[in-house]
Amino acid sequence: EDNNIIRHIQLKTSKLGAKASGQKVNVRL
């Protein structure tokens, strides 16, 4: 939370050069 904005964040990671084409995310977000 900053500037009166609350962010619920789902974090994803990939190594530099990884071939990941997408991410799976939770709809409840």
mmCIF file of all heavy atoms, coordinates in Angstrom:
data_MODEL
# 
_entry.id   MODEL 
# 
loop_
_atom_site.group_PDB 
_atom_site.id 
_atom_site.type_symbol 
_atom_site.label_atom_id 
_atom_site.label_alt_id 
_atom_site.label_comp_id 
_atom_site.label_asym_id 
_atom_site.label_entity_id 
_atom_site.label_seq_id 
_atom_site.pdbx_PDB_ins_code 
_atom_site.Cartn_x 
_atom_site.Cartn_y 
_atom_site.Cartn_z 
_atom_site.occupancy 
_atom_site.B_iso_or_equiv 
_atom_site.pdbx_formal_charge 
_atom_site.auth_seq_id 
_atom_site.auth_comp_id 
_atom_site.auth_asym_id 
_atom_site.auth_atom_id 
_atom_site.pdbx_PDB_model_num 
ATOM 1   N N   . GLU A 1 1  ? 0.838   -1.196  0.000   1.00 0.00 ? 1  GLU A N   1 
ATOM 2   C CA  . GLU A 1 1  ? 0.000   0.000   0.000   1.00 0.00 ? 1  GLU A CA  1 
ATOM 3   C C   . GLU A 1 1  ? 0.873   1.246   0.000   1.00 0.00 ? 1  GLU A C   1 
ATOM 4   O O   . GLU A 1 1  ? 1.814   1.376   0.779   1.00 0.00 ? 1  GLU A O   1 
ATOM 5   C CB  . GLU A 1 1  ? -0.924  0.041   1.221   1.00 0.00 ? 1  GLU A CB  1 
ATOM 6   C CG  . GLU A 1 1  ? -1.813  1.271   1.216   1.00 0.00 ? 1  GLU A CG  1 
ATOM 7   C CD  . GLU A 1 1  ? -2.767  1.346   2.399   1.00 0.00 ? 1  GLU A CD  1 
ATOM 8   O OE1 . GLU A 1 1  ? -2.772  0.423   3.242   1.00 0.00 ? 1  GLU A OE1 1 
ATOM 9   O OE2 . GLU A 1 1  ? -3.503  2.340   2.481   1.00 0.00 ? 1  GLU A OE2 1 
ATOM 10  N N   . ASP A 1 2  ? 0.545   2.163   -0.909  1.00 0.00 ? 2  ASP A N   1 
ATOM 11  C CA  . ASP A 1 2  ? 1.184   3.475   -0.973  1.00 0.00 ? 2  ASP A CA  1 
ATOM 12  C C   . ASP A 1 2  ? 0.243   4.402   -1.713  1.00 0.00 ? 2  ASP A C   1 
ATOM 13  O O   . ASP A 1 2  ? -0.554  3.956   -2.548  1.00 0.00 ? 2  ASP A O   1 
ATOM 14  C CB  . ASP A 1 2  ? 2.533   3.408   -1.696  1.00 0.00 ? 2  ASP A CB  1 
ATOM 15  C CG  . ASP A 1 2  ? 3.387   4.669   -1.473  1.00 0.00 ? 2  ASP A CG  1 
ATOM 16  O OD1 . ASP A 1 2  ? 2.956   5.570   -0.729  1.00 0.00 ? 2  ASP A OD1 1 
ATOM 17  O OD2 . ASP A 1 2  ? 4.486   4.739   -2.040  1.00 0.00 ? 2  ASP A OD2 1 
ATOM 18  N N   . ASN A 1 3  ? 0.321   5.694   -1.425  1.00 0.00 ? 3  ASN A N   1 
ATOM 19  C CA  . ASN A 1 3  ? -0.500  6.699   -2.110  1.00 0.00 ? 3  ASN A CA  1 
ATOM 20  C C   . ASN A 1 3  ? -1.991  6.361   -2.015  1.00 0.00 ? 3  ASN A C   1 
ATOM 21  O O   . ASN A 1 3  ? -2.749  6.579   -2.957  1.00 0.00 ? 3  ASN A O   1 
ATOM 22  C CB  . ASN A 1 3  ? -0.046  6.822   -3.579  1.00 0.00 ? 3  ASN A CB  1 
ATOM 23  C CG  . ASN A 1 3  ? -0.617  8.034   -4.261  1.00 0.00 ? 3  ASN A CG  1 
ATOM 24  O OD1 . ASN A 1 3  ? -0.753  9.097   -3.665  1.00 0.00 ? 3  ASN A OD1 1 
ATOM 25  N ND2 . ASN A 1 3  ? -0.965  7.876   -5.529  1.00 0.00 ? 3  ASN A ND2 1 
ATOM 26  N N   . ASN A 1 4  ? -2.411  5.767   -0.895  1.00 0.00 ? 4  ASN A N   1 
ATOM 27  C CA  . ASN A 1 4  ? -3.792  5.339   -0.670  1.00 0.00 ? 4  ASN A CA  1 
ATOM 28  C C   . ASN A 1 4  ? -4.266  4.293   -1.674  1.00 0.00 ? 4  ASN A C   1 
ATOM 29  O O   . ASN A 1 4  ? -5.459  4.142   -1.898  1.00 0.00 ? 4  ASN A O   1 
ATOM 30  C CB  . ASN A 1 4  ? -4.752  6.536   -0.652  1.00 0.00 ? 4  ASN A CB  1 
ATOM 31  C CG  . ASN A 1 4  ? -4.500  7.425   0.532   1.00 0.00 ? 4  ASN A CG  1 
ATOM 32  O OD1 . ASN A 1 4  ? -4.280  6.941   1.652   1.00 0.00 ? 4  ASN A OD1 1 
ATOM 33  N ND2 . ASN A 1 4  ? -4.490  8.725   0.313   1.00 0.00 ? 4  ASN A ND2 1 
ATOM 34  N N   . ILE A 1 5  ? -3.347  3.582   -2.289  1.00 0.00 ? 5  ILE A N   1 
ATOM 35  C CA  . ILE A 1 5  ? -3.650  2.494   -3.219  1.00 0.00 ? 5  ILE A CA  1 
ATOM 36  C C   . ILE A 1 5  ? -3.181  1.192   -2.582  1.00 0.00 ? 5  ILE A C   1 
ATOM 37  O O   . ILE A 1 5  ? -2.030  1.076   -2.160  1.00 0.00 ? 5  ILE A O   1 
ATOM 38  C CB  . ILE A 1 5  ? -2.923  2.671   -4.578  1.00 0.00 ? 5  ILE A CB  1 
ATOM 39  C CG1 . ILE A 1 5  ? -3.254  4.011   -5.224  1.00 0.00 ? 5  ILE A CG1 1 
ATOM 40  C CG2 . ILE A 1 5  ? -3.204  1.491   -5.502  1.00 0.00 ? 5  ILE A CG2 1 
ATOM 41  C CD1 . ILE A 1 5  ? -4.679  4.183   -5.674  1.00 0.00 ? 5  ILE A CD1 1 
ATOM 42  N N   . ILE A 1 6  ? -4.080  0.223   -2.514  1.00 0.00 ? 6  ILE A N   1 
ATOM 43  C CA  . ILE A 1 6  ? -3.742  -1.102  -1.989  1.00 0.00 ? 6  ILE A CA  1 
ATOM 44  C C   . ILE A 1 6  ? -3.636  -2.047  -3.176  1.00 0.00 ? 6  ILE A C   1 
ATOM 45  O O   . ILE A 1 6  ? -4.575  -2.167  -3.966  1.00 0.00 ? 6  ILE A O   1 
ATOM 46  C CB  . ILE A 1 6  ? -4.821  -1.613  -1.016  1.00 0.00 ? 6  ILE A CB  1 
ATOM 47  C CG1 . ILE A 1 6  ? -4.937  -0.680  0.189   1.00 0.00 ? 6  ILE A CG1 1 
ATOM 48  C CG2 . ILE A 1 6  ? -4.505  -3.044  -0.575  1.00 0.00 ? 6  ILE A CG2 1 
ATOM 49  C CD1 . ILE A 1 6  ? -6.110  -0.983  1.093   1.00 0.00 ? 6  ILE A CD1 1 
ATOM 50  N N   . ARG A 1 7  ? -2.504  -2.697  -3.300  1.00 0.00 ? 7  ARG A N   1 
ATOM 51  C CA  . ARG A 1 7  ? -2.270  -3.649  -4.385  1.00 0.00 ? 7  ARG A CA  1 
ATOM 52  C C   . ARG A 1 7  ? -2.099  -5.053  -3.826  1.00 0.00 ? 7  ARG A C   1 
ATOM 53  O O   . ARG A 1 7  ? -1.166  -5.316  -3.068  1.00 0.00 ? 7  ARG A O   1 
ATOM 54  C CB  . ARG A 1 7  ? -1.004  -3.278  -5.165  1.00 0.00 ? 7  ARG A CB  1 
ATOM 55  C CG  . ARG A 1 7  ? -1.132  -2.089  -6.068  1.00 0.00 ? 7  ARG A CG  1 
ATOM 56  C CD  . ARG A 1 7  ? -1.992  -2.406  -7.274  1.00 0.00 ? 7  ARG A CD  1 
ATOM 57  N NE  . ARG A 1 7  ? -1.824  -1.382  -8.295  1.00 0.00 ? 7  ARG A NE  1 
ATOM 58  C CZ  . ARG A 1 7  ? -2.369  -1.456  -9.489  1.00 0.00 ? 7  ARG A CZ  1 
ATOM 59  N NH1 . ARG A 1 7  ? -3.095  -2.492  -9.830  1.00 0.00 ? 7  ARG A NH1 1 
ATOM 60  N NH2 . ARG A 1 7  ? -2.180  -0.484  -10.366 1.00 0.00 ? 7  ARG A NH2 1 
ATOM 61  N N   . HIS A 1 8  ? -3.019  -5.943  -4.191  1.00 0.00 ? 8  HIS A N   1 
ATOM 62  C CA  . HIS A 1 8  ? -2.867  -7.363  -3.907  1.00 0.00 ? 8  HIS A CA  1 
ATOM 63  C C   . HIS A 1 8  ? -2.131  -7.936  -5.109  1.00 0.00 ? 8  HIS A C   1 
ATOM 64  O O   . HIS A 1 8  ? -2.648  -7.904  -6.230  1.00 0.00 ? 8  HIS A O   1 
ATOM 65  C CB  . HIS A 1 8  ? -4.230  -8.037  -3.748  1.00 0.00 ? 8  HIS A CB  1 
ATOM 66  C CG  . HIS A 1 8  ? -4.932  -7.653  -2.484  1.00 0.00 ? 8  HIS A CG  1 
ATOM 67  N ND1 . HIS A 1 8  ? -5.513  -6.422  -2.292  1.00 0.00 ? 8  HIS A ND1 1 
ATOM 68  C CD2 . HIS A 1 8  ? -5.127  -8.350  -1.344  1.00 0.00 ? 8  HIS A CD2 1 
ATOM 69  C CE1 . HIS A 1 8  ? -6.047  -6.377  -1.084  1.00 0.00 ? 8  HIS A CE1 1 
ATOM 70  N NE2 . HIS A 1 8  ? -5.816  -7.529  -0.488  1.00 0.00 ? 8  HIS A NE2 1 
ATOM 71  N N   . ILE A 1 9  ? -0.928  -8.446  -4.876  1.00 0.00 ? 9  ILE A N   1 
ATOM 72  C CA  . ILE A 1 9  ? -0.042  -8.813  -5.982  1.00 0.00 ? 9  ILE A CA  1 
ATOM 73  C C   . ILE A 1 9  ? 0.245   -10.315 -5.985  1.00 0.00 ? 9  ILE A C   1 
ATOM 74  O O   . ILE A 1 9  ? 0.656   -10.879 -4.968  1.00 0.00 ? 9  ILE A O   1 
ATOM 75  C CB  . ILE A 1 9  ? 1.292   -8.043  -5.896  1.00 0.00 ? 9  ILE A CB  1 
ATOM 76  C CG1 . ILE A 1 9  ? 1.030   -6.537  -5.895  1.00 0.00 ? 9  ILE A CG1 1 
ATOM 77  C CG2 . ILE A 1 9  ? 2.224   -8.438  -7.047  1.00 0.00 ? 9  ILE A CG2 1 
ATOM 78  C CD1 . ILE A 1 9  ? 2.262   -5.683  -5.628  1.00 0.00 ? 9  ILE A CD1 1 
ATOM 79  N N   . GLN A 1 10 ? 0.025   -10.911 -7.137  1.00 0.00 ? 10 GLN A N   1 
ATOM 80  C CA  . GLN A 1 10 ? 0.476   -12.279 -7.355  1.00 0.00 ? 10 GLN A CA  1 
ATOM 81  C C   . GLN A 1 10 ? 1.814   -12.163 -8.078  1.00 0.00 ? 10 GLN A C   1 
ATOM 82  O O   . GLN A 1 10 ? 1.907   -11.521 -9.132  1.00 0.00 ? 10 GLN A O   1 
ATOM 83  C CB  . GLN A 1 10 ? -0.525  -13.075 -8.187  1.00 0.00 ? 10 GLN A CB  1 
ATOM 84  C CG  . GLN A 1 10 ? -0.146  -14.523 -8.331  1.00 0.00 ? 10 GLN A CG  1 
ATOM 85  C CD  . GLN A 1 10 ? -1.252  -15.359 -8.982  1.00 0.00 ? 10 GLN A CD  1 
ATOM 86  O OE1 . GLN A 1 10 ? -2.095  -14.861 -9.701  1.00 0.00 ? 10 GLN A OE1 1 
ATOM 87  N NE2 . GLN A 1 10 ? -1.217  -16.653 -8.714  1.00 0.00 ? 10 GLN A NE2 1 
ATOM 88  N N   . LEU A 1 11 ? 2.853   -12.725 -7.496  1.00 0.00 ? 11 LEU A N   1 
ATOM 89  C CA  . LEU A 1 11 ? 4.192   -12.656 -8.078  1.00 0.00 ? 11 LEU A CA  1 
ATOM 90  C C   . LEU A 1 11 ? 4.490   -13.905 -8.895  1.00 0.00 ? 11 LEU A C   1 
ATOM 91  O O   . LEU A 1 11 ? 4.159   -15.019 -8.481  1.00 0.00 ? 11 LEU A O   1 
ATOM 92  C CB  . LEU A 1 11 ? 5.247   -12.512 -6.981  1.00 0.00 ? 11 LEU A CB  1 
ATOM 93  C CG  . LEU A 1 11 ? 5.248   -11.197 -6.214  1.00 0.00 ? 11 LEU A CG  1 
ATOM 94  C CD1 . LEU A 1 11 ? 6.224   -11.266 -5.051  1.00 0.00 ? 11 LEU A CD1 1 
ATOM 95  C CD2 . LEU A 1 11 ? 5.578   -10.029 -7.125  1.00 0.00 ? 11 LEU A CD2 1 
ATOM 96  N N   . LYS A 1 12 ? 5.113   -13.691 -10.034 1.00 0.00 ? 12 LYS A N   1 
ATOM 97  C CA  . LYS A 1 12 ? 5.581   -14.766 -10.902 1.00 0.00 ? 12 LYS A CA  1 
ATOM 98  C C   . LYS A 1 12 ? 7.029   -14.463 -11.231 1.00 0.00 ? 12 LYS A C   1 
ATOM 99  O O   . LYS A 1 12 ? 7.434   -13.296 -11.252 1.00 0.00 ? 12 LYS A O   1 
ATOM 100 C CB  . LYS A 1 12 ? 4.757   -14.838 -12.189 1.00 0.00 ? 12 LYS A CB  1 
ATOM 101 C CG  . LYS A 1 12 ? 3.278   -15.071 -11.977 1.00 0.00 ? 12 LYS A CG  1 
ATOM 102 C CD  . LYS A 1 12 ? 3.049   -16.455 -11.440 1.00 0.00 ? 12 LYS A CD  1 
ATOM 103 C CE  . LYS A 1 12 ? 1.574   -16.781 -11.320 1.00 0.00 ? 12 LYS A CE  1 
ATOM 104 N NZ  . LYS A 1 12 ? 1.370   -18.165 -10.867 1.00 0.00 ? 12 LYS A NZ  1 
ATOM 105 N N   . THR A 1 13 ? 7.815   -15.482 -11.500 1.00 0.00 ? 13 THR A N   1 
ATOM 106 C CA  . THR A 1 13 ? 9.217   -15.254 -11.840 1.00 0.00 ? 13 THR A CA  1 
ATOM 107 C C   . THR A 1 13 ? 9.641   -16.135 -13.007 1.00 0.00 ? 13 THR A C   1 
ATOM 108 O O   . THR A 1 13 ? 9.093   -17.223 -13.200 1.00 0.00 ? 13 THR A O   1 
ATOM 109 C CB  . THR A 1 13 ? 10.161  -15.531 -10.654 1.00 0.00 ? 13 THR A CB  1 
ATOM 110 O OG1 . THR A 1 13 ? 10.066  -16.908 -10.300 1.00 0.00 ? 13 THR A OG1 1 
ATOM 111 C CG2 . THR A 1 13 ? 9.835   -14.654 -9.457  1.00 0.00 ? 13 THR A CG2 1 
ATOM 112 N N   . SER A 1 14 ? 10.625  -15.633 -13.750 1.00 0.00 ? 14 SER A N   1 
ATOM 113 C CA  . SER A 1 14 ? 11.263  -16.400 -14.817 1.00 0.00 ? 14 SER A CA  1 
ATOM 114 C C   . SER A 1 14 ? 12.719  -15.976 -14.905 1.00 0.00 ? 14 SER A C   1 
ATOM 115 O O   . SER A 1 14 ? 13.034  -14.802 -14.703 1.00 0.00 ? 14 SER A O   1 
ATOM 116 C CB  . SER A 1 14 ? 10.620  -16.127 -16.178 1.00 0.00 ? 14 SER A CB  1 
ATOM 117 O OG  . SER A 1 14 ? 9.322   -16.643 -16.260 1.00 0.00 ? 14 SER A OG  1 
ATOM 118 N N   . LYS A 1 15 ? 13.575  -16.933 -15.221 1.00 0.00 ? 15 LYS A N   1 
ATOM 119 C CA  . LYS A 1 15 ? 14.972  -16.609 -15.462 1.00 0.00 ? 15 LYS A CA  1 
ATOM 120 C C   . LYS A 1 15 ? 15.079  -15.842 -16.778 1.00 0.00 ? 15 LYS A C   1 
ATOM 121 O O   . LYS A 1 15 ? 14.300  -16.075 -17.707 1.00 0.00 ? 15 LYS A O   1 
ATOM 122 C CB  . LYS A 1 15 ? 15.814  -17.882 -15.559 1.00 0.00 ? 15 LYS A CB  1 
ATOM 123 C CG  . LYS A 1 15 ? 15.860  -18.680 -14.278 1.00 0.00 ? 15 LYS A CG  1 
ATOM 124 C CD  . LYS A 1 15 ? 16.798  -19.866 -14.393 1.00 0.00 ? 15 LYS A CD  1 
ATOM 125 C CE  . LYS A 1 15 ? 16.220  -20.933 -15.284 1.00 0.00 ? 15 LYS A CE  1 
ATOM 126 N NZ  . LYS A 1 15 ? 17.040  -22.164 -15.292 1.00 0.00 ? 15 LYS A NZ  1 
ATOM 127 N N   . LEU A 1 16 ? 16.039  -14.939 -16.846 1.00 0.00 ? 16 LEU A N   1 
ATOM 128 C CA  . LEU A 1 16 ? 16.331  -14.205 -18.066 1.00 0.00 ? 16 LEU A CA  1 
ATOM 129 C C   . LEU A 1 16 ? 16.591  -15.203 -19.188 1.00 0.00 ? 16 LEU A C   1 
ATOM 130 O O   . LEU A 1 16 ? 17.358  -16.147 -19.021 1.00 0.00 ? 16 LEU A O   1 
ATOM 131 C CB  . LEU A 1 16 ? 17.557  -13.315 -17.839 1.00 0.00 ? 16 LEU A CB  1 
ATOM 132 C CG  . LEU A 1 16 ? 17.924  -12.310 -18.905 1.00 0.00 ? 16 LEU A CG  1 
ATOM 133 C CD1 . LEU A 1 16 ? 16.804  -11.294 -19.091 1.00 0.00 ? 16 LEU A CD1 1 
ATOM 134 C CD2 . LEU A 1 16 ? 19.207  -11.588 -18.515 1.00 0.00 ? 16 LEU A CD2 1 
ATOM 135 N N   . GLY A 1 17 ? 15.913  -15.039 -20.303 1.00 0.00 ? 17 GLY A N   1 
ATOM 136 C CA  . GLY A 1 17 ? 16.077  -15.944 -21.429 1.00 0.00 ? 17 GLY A CA  1 
ATOM 137 C C   . GLY A 1 17 ? 15.162  -17.152 -21.405 1.00 0.00 ? 17 GLY A C   1 
ATOM 138 O O   . GLY A 1 17 ? 15.162  -17.951 -22.345 1.00 0.00 ? 17 GLY A O   1 
ATOM 139 N N   . ALA A 1 18 ? 14.357  -17.304 -20.347 1.00 0.00 ? 18 ALA A N   1 
ATOM 140 C CA  . ALA A 1 18 ? 13.419  -18.430 -20.270 1.00 0.00 ? 18 ALA A CA  1 
ATOM 141 C C   . ALA A 1 18 ? 12.382  -18.312 -21.384 1.00 0.00 ? 18 ALA A C   1 
ATOM 142 O O   . ALA A 1 18 ? 12.065  -17.221 -21.847 1.00 0.00 ? 18 ALA A O   1 
ATOM 143 C CB  . ALA A 1 18 ? 12.738  -18.458 -18.906 1.00 0.00 ? 18 ALA A CB  1 
ATOM 144 N N   . LYS A 1 19 ? 11.846  -19.427 -21.791 1.00 0.00 ? 19 LYS A N   1 
ATOM 145 C CA  . LYS A 1 19 ? 10.909  -19.443 -22.894 1.00 0.00 ? 19 LYS A CA  1 
ATOM 146 C C   . LYS A 1 19 ? 9.448   -19.432 -22.439 1.00 0.00 ? 19 LYS A C   1 
ATOM 147 O O   . LYS A 1 19 ? 8.558   -19.737 -23.226 1.00 0.00 ? 19 LYS A O   1 
ATOM 148 C CB  . LYS A 1 19 ? 11.178  -20.645 -23.780 1.00 0.00 ? 19 LYS A CB  1 
ATOM 149 C CG  . LYS A 1 19 ? 12.605  -20.643 -24.326 1.00 0.00 ? 19 LYS A CG  1 
ATOM 150 C CD  . LYS A 1 19 ? 12.732  -21.393 -25.598 1.00 0.00 ? 19 LYS A CD  1 
ATOM 151 C CE  . LYS A 1 19 ? 14.122  -21.459 -26.154 1.00 0.00 ? 19 LYS A CE  1 
ATOM 152 N NZ  . LYS A 1 19 ? 15.003  -20.375 -25.964 1.00 0.00 ? 19 LYS A NZ  1 
ATOM 153 N N   . ALA A 1 20 ? 9.199   -19.076 -21.188 1.00 0.00 ? 20 ALA A N   1 
ATOM 154 C CA  . ALA A 1 20 ? 7.826   -19.049 -20.665 1.00 0.00 ? 20 ALA A CA  1 
ATOM 155 C C   . ALA A 1 20 ? 6.973   -18.119 -21.522 1.00 0.00 ? 20 ALA A C   1 
ATOM 156 O O   . ALA A 1 20 ? 7.313   -16.971 -21.744 1.00 0.00 ? 20 ALA A O   1 
ATOM 157 C CB  . ALA A 1 20 ? 7.818   -18.583 -19.221 1.00 0.00 ? 20 ALA A CB  1 
ATOM 158 N N   . SER A 1 21 ? 5.849   -18.640 -21.998 1.00 0.00 ? 21 SER A N   1 
ATOM 159 C CA  . SER A 1 21 ? 4.984   -17.853 -22.883 1.00 0.00 ? 21 SER A CA  1 
ATOM 160 C C   . SER A 1 21 ? 3.770   -17.296 -22.162 1.00 0.00 ? 21 SER A C   1 
ATOM 161 O O   . SER A 1 21 ? 2.995   -16.546 -22.743 1.00 0.00 ? 21 SER A O   1 
ATOM 162 C CB  . SER A 1 21 ? 4.528   -18.717 -24.060 1.00 0.00 ? 21 SER A CB  1 
ATOM 163 O OG  . SER A 1 21 ? 3.770   -19.819 -23.583 1.00 0.00 ? 21 SER A OG  1 
ATOM 164 N N   . GLY A 1 22 ? 3.595   -17.680 -20.911 1.00 0.00 ? 22 GLY A N   1 
ATOM 165 C CA  . GLY A 1 22 ? 2.447   -17.204 -20.158 1.00 0.00 ? 22 GLY A CA  1 
ATOM 166 C C   . GLY A 1 22 ? 2.546   -17.600 -18.700 1.00 0.00 ? 22 GLY A C   1 
ATOM 167 O O   . GLY A 1 22 ? 3.520   -18.224 -18.276 1.00 0.00 ? 22 GLY A O   1 
ATOM 168 N N   . GLN A 1 23 ? 1.515   -17.229 -17.957 1.00 0.00 ? 23 GLN A N   1 
ATOM 169 C CA  . GLN A 1 23 ? 1.466   -17.536 -16.527 1.00 0.00 ? 23 GLN A CA  1 
ATOM 170 C C   . GLN A 1 23 ? 0.055   -17.941 -16.141 1.00 0.00 ? 23 GLN A C   1 
ATOM 171 O O   . GLN A 1 23 ? -0.921  -17.489 -16.738 1.00 0.00 ? 23 GLN A O   1 
ATOM 172 C CB  . GLN A 1 23 ? 1.885   -16.327 -15.691 1.00 0.00 ? 23 GLN A CB  1 
ATOM 173 C CG  . GLN A 1 23 ? 3.334   -15.946 -15.825 1.00 0.00 ? 23 GLN A CG  1 
ATOM 174 C CD  . GLN A 1 23 ? 4.283   -16.940 -15.167 1.00 0.00 ? 23 GLN A CD  1 
ATOM 175 O OE1 . GLN A 1 23 ? 3.882   -17.842 -14.422 1.00 0.00 ? 23 GLN A OE1 1 
ATOM 176 N NE2 . GLN A 1 23 ? 5.561   -16.777 -15.431 1.00 0.00 ? 23 GLN A NE2 1 
ATOM 177 N N   . LYS A 1 24 ? -0.021  -18.769 -15.116 1.00 0.00 ? 24 LYS A N   1 
ATOM 178 C CA  . LYS A 1 24 ? -1.314  -19.171 -14.553 1.00 0.00 ? 24 LYS A CA  1 
ATOM 179 C C   . LYS A 1 24 ? -1.624  -18.248 -13.390 1.00 0.00 ? 24 LYS A C   1 
ATOM 180 O O   . LYS A 1 24 ? -0.779  -18.038 -12.521 1.00 0.00 ? 24 LYS A O   1 
ATOM 181 C CB  . LYS A 1 24 ? -1.265  -20.618 -14.091 1.00 0.00 ? 24 LYS A CB  1 
ATOM 182 C CG  . LYS A 1 24 ? -1.078  -21.584 -15.236 1.00 0.00 ? 24 LYS A CG  1 
ATOM 183 C CD  . LYS A 1 24 ? -0.945  -23.006 -14.742 1.00 0.00 ? 24 LYS A CD  1 
ATOM 184 C CE  . LYS A 1 24 ? -0.720  -23.936 -15.922 1.00 0.00 ? 24 LYS A CE  1 
ATOM 185 N NZ  . LYS A 1 24 ? -0.419  -25.293 -15.497 1.00 0.00 ? 24 LYS A NZ  1 
ATOM 186 N N   . VAL A 1 25 ? -2.838  -17.697 -13.383 1.00 0.00 ? 25 VAL A N   1 
ATOM 187 C CA  . VAL A 1 25 ? -3.216  -16.744 -12.344 1.00 0.00 ? 25 VAL A CA  1 
ATOM 188 C C   . VAL A 1 25 ? -4.568  -17.121 -11.744 1.00 0.00 ? 25 VAL A C   1 
ATOM 189 O O   . VAL A 1 25 ? -5.404  -17.739 -12.394 1.00 0.00 ? 25 VAL A O   1 
ATOM 190 C CB  . VAL A 1 25 ? -3.240  -15.297 -12.878 1.00 0.00 ? 25 VAL A CB  1 
ATOM 191 C CG1 . VAL A 1 25 ? -1.880  -14.903 -13.409 1.00 0.00 ? 25 VAL A CG1 1 
ATOM 192 C CG2 . VAL A 1 25 ? -4.278  -15.127 -13.949 1.00 0.00 ? 25 VAL A CG2 1 
ATOM 193 N N   . ASN A 1 26 ? -4.753  -16.722 -10.501 1.00 0.00 ? 26 ASN A N   1 
ATOM 194 C CA  . ASN A 1 26 ? -5.972  -17.032 -9.767  1.00 0.00 ? 26 ASN A CA  1 
ATOM 195 C C   . ASN A 1 26 ? -7.032  -15.968 -10.043 1.00 0.00 ? 26 ASN A C   1 
ATOM 196 O O   . ASN A 1 26 ? -6.782  -14.777 -9.873  1.00 0.00 ? 26 ASN A O   1 
ATOM 197 C CB  . ASN A 1 26 ? -5.651  -17.095 -8.267  1.00 0.00 ? 26 ASN A CB  1 
ATOM 198 C CG  . ASN A 1 26 ? -6.744  -17.736 -7.461  1.00 0.00 ? 26 ASN A CG  1 
ATOM 199 O OD1 . ASN A 1 26 ? -7.903  -17.386 -7.587  1.00 0.00 ? 26 ASN A OD1 1 
ATOM 200 N ND2 . ASN A 1 26 ? -6.375  -18.673 -6.612  1.00 0.00 ? 26 ASN A ND2 1 
ATOM 201 N N   . VAL A 1 27 ? -8.242  -16.401 -10.449 1.00 0.00 ? 27 VAL A N   1 
ATOM 202 C CA  . VAL A 1 27 ? -9.320  -15.455 -10.774 1.00 0.00 ? 27 VAL A CA  1 
ATOM 203 C C   . VAL A 1 27 ? -9.783  -14.667 -9.554  1.00 0.00 ? 27 VAL A C   1 
ATOM 204 O O   . VAL A 1 27 ? -10.311 -13.569 -9.689  1.00 0.00 ? 27 VAL A O   1 
ATOM 205 C CB  . VAL A 1 27 ? -10.533 -16.142 -11.435 1.00 0.00 ? 27 VAL A CB  1 
ATOM 206 C CG1 . VAL A 1 27 ? -10.157 -16.727 -12.775 1.00 0.00 ? 27 VAL A CG1 1 
ATOM 207 C CG2 . VAL A 1 27 ? -11.151 -17.181 -10.532 1.00 0.00 ? 27 VAL A CG2 1 
ATOM 208 N N   . ARG A 1 28 ? -9.585  -15.200 -8.367  1.00 0.00 ? 28 ARG A N   1 
ATOM 209 C CA  . ARG A 1 28 ? -10.034 -14.497 -7.160  1.00 0.00 ? 28 ARG A CA  1 
ATOM 210 C C   . ARG A 1 28 ? -9.247  -13.216 -6.902  1.00 0.00 ? 28 ARG A C   1 
ATOM 211 O O   . ARG A 1 28 ? -9.669  -12.360 -6.138  1.00 0.00 ? 28 ARG A O   1 
ATOM 212 C CB  . ARG A 1 28 ? -9.967  -15.424 -5.949  1.00 0.00 ? 28 ARG A CB  1 
ATOM 213 C CG  . ARG A 1 28 ? -11.102 -16.437 -5.974  1.00 0.00 ? 28 ARG A CG  1 
ATOM 214 C CD  . ARG A 1 28 ? -11.147 -17.231 -4.708  1.00 0.00 ? 28 ARG A CD  1 
ATOM 215 N NE  . ARG A 1 28 ? -10.912 -18.624 -5.104  1.00 0.00 ? 28 ARG A NE  1 
ATOM 216 C CZ  . ARG A 1 28 ? -10.513 -19.563 -4.302  1.00 0.00 ? 28 ARG A CZ  1 
ATOM 217 N NH1 . ARG A 1 28 ? -10.264 -19.306 -3.043  1.00 0.00 ? 28 ARG A NH1 1 
ATOM 218 N NH2 . ARG A 1 28 ? -10.337 -20.780 -4.742  1.00 0.00 ? 28 ARG A NH2 1 
ATOM 219 N N   . LEU A 1 29 ? -8.127  -13.078 -7.584  1.00 0.00 ? 29 LEU A N   1 
ATOM 220 C CA  . LEU A 1 29 ? -7.351  -11.847 -7.480  1.00 0.00 ? 29 LEU A CA  1 
ATOM 221 C C   . LEU A 1 29 ? -8.183  -10.652 -7.959  1.00 0.00 ? 29 LEU A C   1 
ATOM 222 O O   . LEU A 1 29 ? -8.005  -9.532  -7.492  1.00 0.00 ? 29 LEU A O   1 
ATOM 223 C CB  . LEU A 1 29 ? -6.077  -11.983 -8.303  1.00 0.00 ? 29 LEU A CB  1 
ATOM 224 C CG  . LEU A 1 29 ? -4.919  -11.066 -8.003  1.00 0.00 ? 29 LEU A CG  1 
ATOM 225 C CD1 . LEU A 1 29 ? -4.506  -11.127 -6.541  1.00 0.00 ? 29 LEU A CD1 1 
ATOM 226 C CD2 . LEU A 1 29 ? -3.736  -11.404 -8.883  1.00 0.00 ? 29 LEU A CD2 1 
# 
